[in-house]
């Protein structure tokens, strides 16, 4: 019976708790955040689009 539980215990130790909620490792999460910030900085607001089409 004890040997049957051993694989479960070993599999449970394989996970890393250093990942963010999405499951990405810290370096990848940082790259995704940087990319999202770059996209936000280059985006155009809907109000600016409405003003340019109203002319």
N, C-alpha and C. Protein backbone atom coordinates (compact mmCIF):
# COMPACT_ATOMS: atom_id res chain seq x y z
N UNK A 1 0.82 -1.19 0.00
CA UNK A 1 0.00 0.00 0.00
C UNK A 1 0.86 1.25 0.00
N UNK A 2 1.94 1.25 0.75
CA UNK A 2 2.82 2.42 0.81
C UNK A 2 3.48 2.67 -0.54
N UNK A 3 3.82 1.63 -1.24
CA UNK A 3 4.46 1.80 -2.55
C UNK A 3 3.49 2.38 -3.57
N UNK A 4 2.22 2.15 -3.39
CA UNK A 4 1.23 2.70 -4.31
C UNK A 4 1.11 4.21 -4.14
N UNK A 5 1.37 4.74 -2.98
CA UNK A 5 1.29 6.17 -2.73
C UNK A 5 2.55 6.93 -3.14
N UNK A 6 3.64 6.22 -3.28
CA UNK A 6 4.91 6.86 -3.60
C UNK A 6 4.87 7.64 -4.92
N UNK A 7 4.35 7.09 -6.01
CA UNK A 7 4.30 7.87 -7.25
C UNK A 7 3.46 9.15 -7.12
N UNK A 8 2.40 9.10 -6.36
CA UNK A 8 1.58 10.30 -6.16
C UNK A 8 2.35 11.38 -5.41
N UNK A 9 3.10 10.98 -4.43
CA UNK A 9 3.90 11.95 -3.68
C UNK A 9 4.99 12.55 -4.55
N UNK A 10 5.61 11.74 -5.38
CA UNK A 10 6.65 12.24 -6.27
C UNK A 10 6.09 13.18 -7.32
N UNK A 11 4.92 12.88 -7.86
CA UNK A 11 4.30 13.76 -8.84
C UNK A 11 3.89 15.09 -8.22
N UNK A 12 3.46 15.05 -6.99
CA UNK A 12 3.07 16.28 -6.31
C UNK A 12 4.25 17.21 -6.07
N UNK A 13 5.43 16.66 -5.97
CA UNK A 13 6.63 17.46 -5.73
C UNK A 13 7.17 18.06 -7.02
N UNK A 14 6.65 17.67 -8.16
CA UNK A 14 7.16 18.17 -9.45
C UNK A 14 6.69 19.58 -9.76
N UNK A 15 5.57 19.98 -9.23
CA UNK A 15 5.02 21.30 -9.56
C UNK A 15 5.86 22.41 -8.97
N UNK A 16 5.83 23.55 -9.64
CA UNK A 16 6.56 24.72 -9.16
C UNK A 16 5.57 25.77 -8.69
N UNK A 17 5.73 26.25 -7.49
CA UNK A 17 4.82 27.27 -6.97
C UNK A 17 5.30 28.67 -7.35
N UNK A 18 6.40 28.78 -8.10
CA UNK A 18 6.92 30.08 -8.49
C UNK A 18 6.20 30.66 -9.70
N UNK A 19 5.27 29.91 -10.28
CA UNK A 19 4.54 30.38 -11.45
C UNK A 19 3.42 31.32 -11.03
N UNK A 20 3.07 32.23 -11.94
CA UNK A 20 1.94 33.13 -11.67
C UNK A 20 0.63 32.37 -11.91
N UNK A 21 -0.52 32.98 -11.65
CA UNK A 21 -1.80 32.26 -11.78
C UNK A 21 -2.05 31.67 -13.17
N UNK A 22 -1.45 32.24 -14.22
CA UNK A 22 -1.65 31.69 -15.56
C UNK A 22 -0.82 30.44 -15.79
N UNK A 23 0.12 30.14 -14.91
CA UNK A 23 0.96 28.97 -15.06
C UNK A 23 2.28 29.26 -15.75
N UNK A 24 2.49 30.50 -16.15
CA UNK A 24 3.73 30.87 -16.84
C UNK A 24 4.86 31.04 -15.82
N UNK A 25 6.07 30.63 -16.19
CA UNK A 25 7.21 30.89 -15.31
C UNK A 25 7.47 32.39 -15.19
N UNK A 26 8.16 32.82 -14.16
CA UNK A 26 8.35 34.26 -13.93
C UNK A 26 8.96 35.01 -15.11
N UNK A 27 9.94 34.43 -15.79
CA UNK A 27 10.57 35.13 -16.91
C UNK A 27 9.59 35.32 -18.06
N UNK A 28 8.78 34.31 -18.32
CA UNK A 28 7.80 34.42 -19.40
C UNK A 28 6.69 35.40 -19.02
N UNK A 29 6.26 35.38 -17.78
CA UNK A 29 5.23 36.32 -17.31
C UNK A 29 5.73 37.75 -17.43
N UNK A 30 7.00 37.98 -17.13
CA UNK A 30 7.57 39.32 -17.25
C UNK A 30 7.58 39.76 -18.72
N UNK A 31 7.94 38.86 -19.62
CA UNK A 31 7.94 39.19 -21.05
C UNK A 31 6.52 39.49 -21.54
N UNK A 32 5.56 38.72 -21.08
CA UNK A 32 4.17 38.98 -21.48
C UNK A 32 3.69 40.33 -20.96
N UNK A 33 4.06 40.67 -19.73
CA UNK A 33 3.67 41.97 -19.17
C UNK A 33 4.32 43.12 -19.94
N UNK A 34 5.59 42.95 -20.32
CA UNK A 34 6.27 43.97 -21.10
C UNK A 34 5.60 44.15 -22.46
N UNK A 35 5.23 43.05 -23.09
CA UNK A 35 4.56 43.11 -24.39
C UNK A 35 3.20 43.79 -24.28
N UNK A 36 2.47 43.47 -23.24
CA UNK A 36 1.16 44.10 -23.03
C UNK A 36 1.31 45.60 -22.80
N UNK A 37 2.32 46.01 -22.06
CA UNK A 37 2.55 47.43 -21.82
C UNK A 37 2.91 48.14 -23.12
N UNK A 38 3.70 47.49 -23.98
CA UNK A 38 4.06 48.08 -25.26
C UNK A 38 2.83 48.24 -26.15
N UNK A 39 1.96 47.24 -26.17
CA UNK A 39 0.74 47.33 -26.96
C UNK A 39 -0.18 48.42 -26.43
N UNK A 40 -0.27 48.54 -25.12
CA UNK A 40 -1.10 49.60 -24.52
C UNK A 40 -0.57 50.98 -24.88
N UNK A 41 0.75 51.14 -24.89
CA UNK A 41 1.35 52.43 -25.20
C UNK A 41 1.11 52.82 -26.66
N UNK A 42 0.99 51.83 -27.54
CA UNK A 42 0.81 52.11 -28.97
C UNK A 42 -0.65 52.08 -29.40
N UNK A 43 -1.56 51.92 -28.48
CA UNK A 43 -2.97 51.80 -28.85
C UNK A 43 -3.61 53.18 -29.02
N UNK A 44 -4.72 53.20 -29.72
CA UNK A 44 -5.47 54.43 -29.96
C UNK A 44 -6.81 54.28 -29.26
N UNK A 45 -7.22 55.33 -28.57
CA UNK A 45 -8.49 55.27 -27.85
C UNK A 45 -9.66 55.37 -28.82
N UNK A 46 -10.79 54.77 -28.49
CA UNK A 46 -11.98 54.88 -29.36
C UNK A 46 -12.44 56.32 -29.54
N UNK A 47 -12.24 57.16 -28.53
CA UNK A 47 -12.63 58.56 -28.63
C UNK A 47 -11.83 59.27 -29.72
N UNK A 48 -10.54 58.95 -29.84
CA UNK A 48 -9.72 59.57 -30.86
C UNK A 48 -10.17 59.13 -32.25
N UNK A 49 -10.61 57.90 -32.38
CA UNK A 49 -11.12 57.43 -33.67
C UNK A 49 -12.42 58.13 -34.03
N UNK A 50 -13.28 58.33 -33.06
CA UNK A 50 -14.56 59.01 -33.30
C UNK A 50 -14.34 60.47 -33.69
N UNK A 51 -13.36 61.14 -33.08
CA UNK A 51 -13.08 62.53 -33.41
C UNK A 51 -12.54 62.66 -34.83
N UNK A 52 -11.72 61.73 -35.27
CA UNK A 52 -11.13 61.83 -36.61
C UNK A 52 -12.15 61.52 -37.70
N UNK A 53 -13.15 60.70 -37.42
CA UNK A 53 -14.15 60.39 -38.42
C UNK A 53 -15.29 61.41 -38.44
N UNK A 54 -15.40 62.23 -37.40
CA UNK A 54 -16.47 63.22 -37.31
C UNK A 54 -16.18 64.46 -38.15
N UNK A 55 -14.95 64.64 -38.58
CA UNK A 55 -14.57 65.85 -39.33
C UNK A 55 -15.07 65.84 -40.72
